[in-house]
C-alpha cells in the first residue's frame, strides 16, 4: 500500500492534462460529466493488480540474474544476491506497473472522450 501511495504521488507530479477542443462536441456543456464518466471507466484498470504483476515478474527476473552473476564471481553469496535482486527488482517493477497503469488509464479516457465526439488536441 505504501508503494502505491508513493507511486501515485510521483505520477501526480508528472500528470499530463488532456486538452479538448470545446467546439468539437455537439454538446460541450456535457464535457465535465463525460470526462468524469470516462475516468470512472478507466478505473477498471487496477493499480494494485498491475503493480503486483509487474513487481513479481521484475523481482523474479532480477533474482535469477543477480544469482547468476554471484555464482560466476564467487565474491557474493548466491542466496544474498538473489534476495537483493528480488527486492530491488520488485520495487522497480512496482514503479513500472504504476506508470503503465497510469498510461493505460489516460489512453482509456482519451478513447472514451473521442468516442463521445470530442476532439483531443493533446
Foldseek 3Di string as FASTA:
>chain_A
DVLLVVLVVVCVVVPDDWDWDLVQAPDSVCVVVLLVVLLVVLPVLDLVVLLQVQLQVQLQVQLVVQLVVCVVVVPDHSVVSSVVRNVVRSSVSSSVSSVVSSVSSVVSSVVSVVVNRIDTPD
